[in-house]
C-alpha atoms as a PDB file:
ATOM      1  CA  MET A   1      22.050  16.280  -8.741  1.00  0.00           C
ATOM      2  CA  MET A   2      18.403  15.364  -9.316  1.00  0.00           C
ATOM      3  CA  ALA A   3      16.472  13.474  -6.674  1.00  0.00           C
ATOM      4  CA  MET A   4      15.471   9.956  -7.606  1.00  0.00           C
ATOM      5  CA  PRO A   5      11.726   9.523  -8.042  1.00  0.00           C
ATOM      6  CA  LYS A   6      10.041   7.637  -5.241  1.00  0.00           C
ATOM      7  CA  LYS A   7       9.240   4.029  -6.122  1.00  0.00           C
ATOM      8  CA  LEU A   8       7.016   1.642  -4.226  1.00  0.00           C
ATOM      9  CA  ILE A   9       6.810  -1.928  -5.481  1.00  0.00           C
ATOM     10  CA  LEU A  10       4.474  -4.376  -3.754  1.00  0.00           C
ATOM     11  CA  GLN A  11       3.851  -8.099  -4.137  1.00  0.00           C
ATOM     12  CA  ASP A  12       0.193  -8.922  -4.675  1.00  0.00           C
ATOM     13  CA  LEU A  13      -1.641 -12.020  -3.466  1.00  0.00           C
ATOM     14  CA  ASP A  14      -0.444 -13.920  -6.568  1.00  0.00           C
ATOM     15  CA  ASN A  15       3.166 -12.855  -5.832  1.00  0.00           C
ATOM     16  CA  ARG A  16       3.203 -10.494  -8.819  1.00  0.00           C
ATOM     17  CA  SER A  17       5.152  -7.232  -8.561  1.00  0.00           C
ATOM     18  CA  TYR A  18       3.103  -4.043  -8.747  1.00  0.00           C
ATOM     19  CA  GLU A  19       4.588  -0.555  -8.875  1.00  0.00           C
ATOM     20  CA  VAL A  20       2.352   2.001  -7.174  1.00  0.00           C
ATOM     21  CA  GLU A  21       2.216   5.017  -9.496  1.00  0.00           C
ATOM     22  CA  ASP A  22       0.649   7.545  -7.107  1.00  0.00           C
ATOM     23  CA  ILE A  23       1.822   6.611  -3.614  1.00  0.00           C
ATOM     24  CA  GLU A  24      -0.047   9.428  -1.872  1.00  0.00           C
ATOM     25  CA  ARG A  25      -3.380   8.514  -3.515  1.00  0.00           C
ATOM     26  CA  PHE A  26      -2.812   4.808  -2.811  1.00  0.00           C
ATOM     27  CA  MET A  27      -2.096   5.396   0.874  1.00  0.00           C
ATOM     28  CA  GLN A  28      -5.053   7.774   1.259  1.00  0.00           C
ATOM     29  CA  HIS A  29      -7.385   5.193  -0.290  1.00  0.00           C
ATOM     30  CA  LEU A  30      -6.140   2.468   2.052  1.00  0.00           C
ATOM     31  CA  GLU A  31      -6.579   4.792   5.033  1.00  0.00           C
ATOM     32  CA  ASP A  32     -10.098   5.797   3.948  1.00  0.00           C
ATOM     33  CA  PHE A  33     -11.432   2.375   2.961  1.00  0.00           C
ATOM     34  CA  HIS A  34      -9.227  -0.393   4.386  1.00  0.00           C
ATOM     35  CA  THR A  35      -8.458   0.566   7.999  1.00  0.00           C
ATOM     36  CA  ASN A  36     -10.464   0.305  11.200  1.00  0.00           C
ATOM     37  CA  ALA A  37     -11.153   2.963  13.843  1.00  0.00           C
ATOM     38  CA  GLU A  38      -7.739   2.280  15.411  1.00  0.00           C
ATOM     39  CA  GLY A  39      -5.972   3.054  12.123  1.00  0.00           C
ATOM     40  CA  GLU A  40      -4.941  -0.550  11.505  1.00  0.00           C
ATOM     41  CA  GLY A  41      -5.470  -2.624   8.381  1.00  0.00           C
ATOM     42  CA  ASP A  42      -8.906  -4.245   8.565  1.00  0.00           C
ATOM     43  CA  SER A  43      -8.005  -7.388   6.553  1.00  0.00           C
ATOM     44  CA  SER A  44     -10.197  -6.287   3.646  1.00  0.00           C
ATOM     45  CA  LEU A  45      -9.284  -6.940   0.024  1.00  0.00           C
ATOM     46  CA  HIS A  46      -7.981  -4.046  -2.085  1.00  0.00           C
ATOM     47  CA  GLU A  47      -7.913  -4.299  -5.882  1.00  0.00           C
ATOM     48  CA  GLU A  48      -5.578  -2.024  -7.843  1.00  0.00           C
ATOM     49  CA  ASN A  49      -5.422  -2.344 -11.645  1.00  0.00           C
ATOM     50  CA  GLY A  50      -6.035  -6.109 -11.513  1.00  0.00           C
ATOM     51  CA  TYR A  51      -3.680  -6.686  -8.567  1.00  0.00           C
ATOM     52  CA  TYR A  52      -5.113  -7.786  -5.221  1.00  0.00           C
ATOM     53  CA  PHE A  53      -3.813  -7.003  -1.742  1.00  0.00           C
ATOM     54  CA  ARG A  54      -5.094  -8.181   1.654  1.00  0.00           C
ATOM     55  CA  VAL A  55      -4.788  -5.118   3.908  1.00  0.00           C
ATOM     56  CA  THR A  56      -3.976  -6.883   7.179  1.00  0.00           C
ATOM     57  CA  PRO A  57      -2.652  -4.958  10.190  1.00  0.00           C
ATOM     58  CA  ALA A  58       0.868  -6.267   9.451  1.00  0.00           C
ATOM     59  CA  PHE A  59       0.655  -5.381   5.722  1.00  0.00           C
ATOM     60  CA  TYR A  60      -0.562  -1.848   6.457  1.00  0.00           C
ATOM     61  CA  ARG A  61       1.987  -1.263   9.229  1.00  0.00           C
ATOM     62  CA  ASN A  62       4.850  -2.470   6.987  1.00  0.00           C
ATOM     63  CA  LEU A  63       3.577  -0.371   4.092  1.00  0.00           C
ATOM     64  CA  LYS A  64       3.447   2.783   6.226  1.00  0.00           C
ATOM     65  CA  GLU A  65       7.029   2.160   7.410  1.00  0.00           C
ATOM     66  CA  ARG A  66       8.264   1.672   3.842  1.00  0.00           C
ATOM     67  CA  VAL A  67       6.505   4.817   2.594  1.00  0.00           C
ATOM     68  CA  ALA A  68       7.956   6.853   5.472  1.00  0.00           C
ATOM     69  CA  GLN A  69      11.451   5.831   4.343  1.00  0.00           C
ATOM     70  CA  LEU A  70      10.945   6.999   0.744  1.00  0.00           C
END
């Protein structure tokens, strides 16, 4: 039986669904550019293919939990 591909679908600031194509690259970018020294979301704005996300501490924490479960 083949493993199901990992899927991560997020709601952007306009409540539009966005499927993250490369989850590892997406998470690395957020870690590199949208977190503070404590490793929390820094409330900055991330744009991805015309979709916008506010990377708050709660958003980033929830995202990390969801990715860990994939």
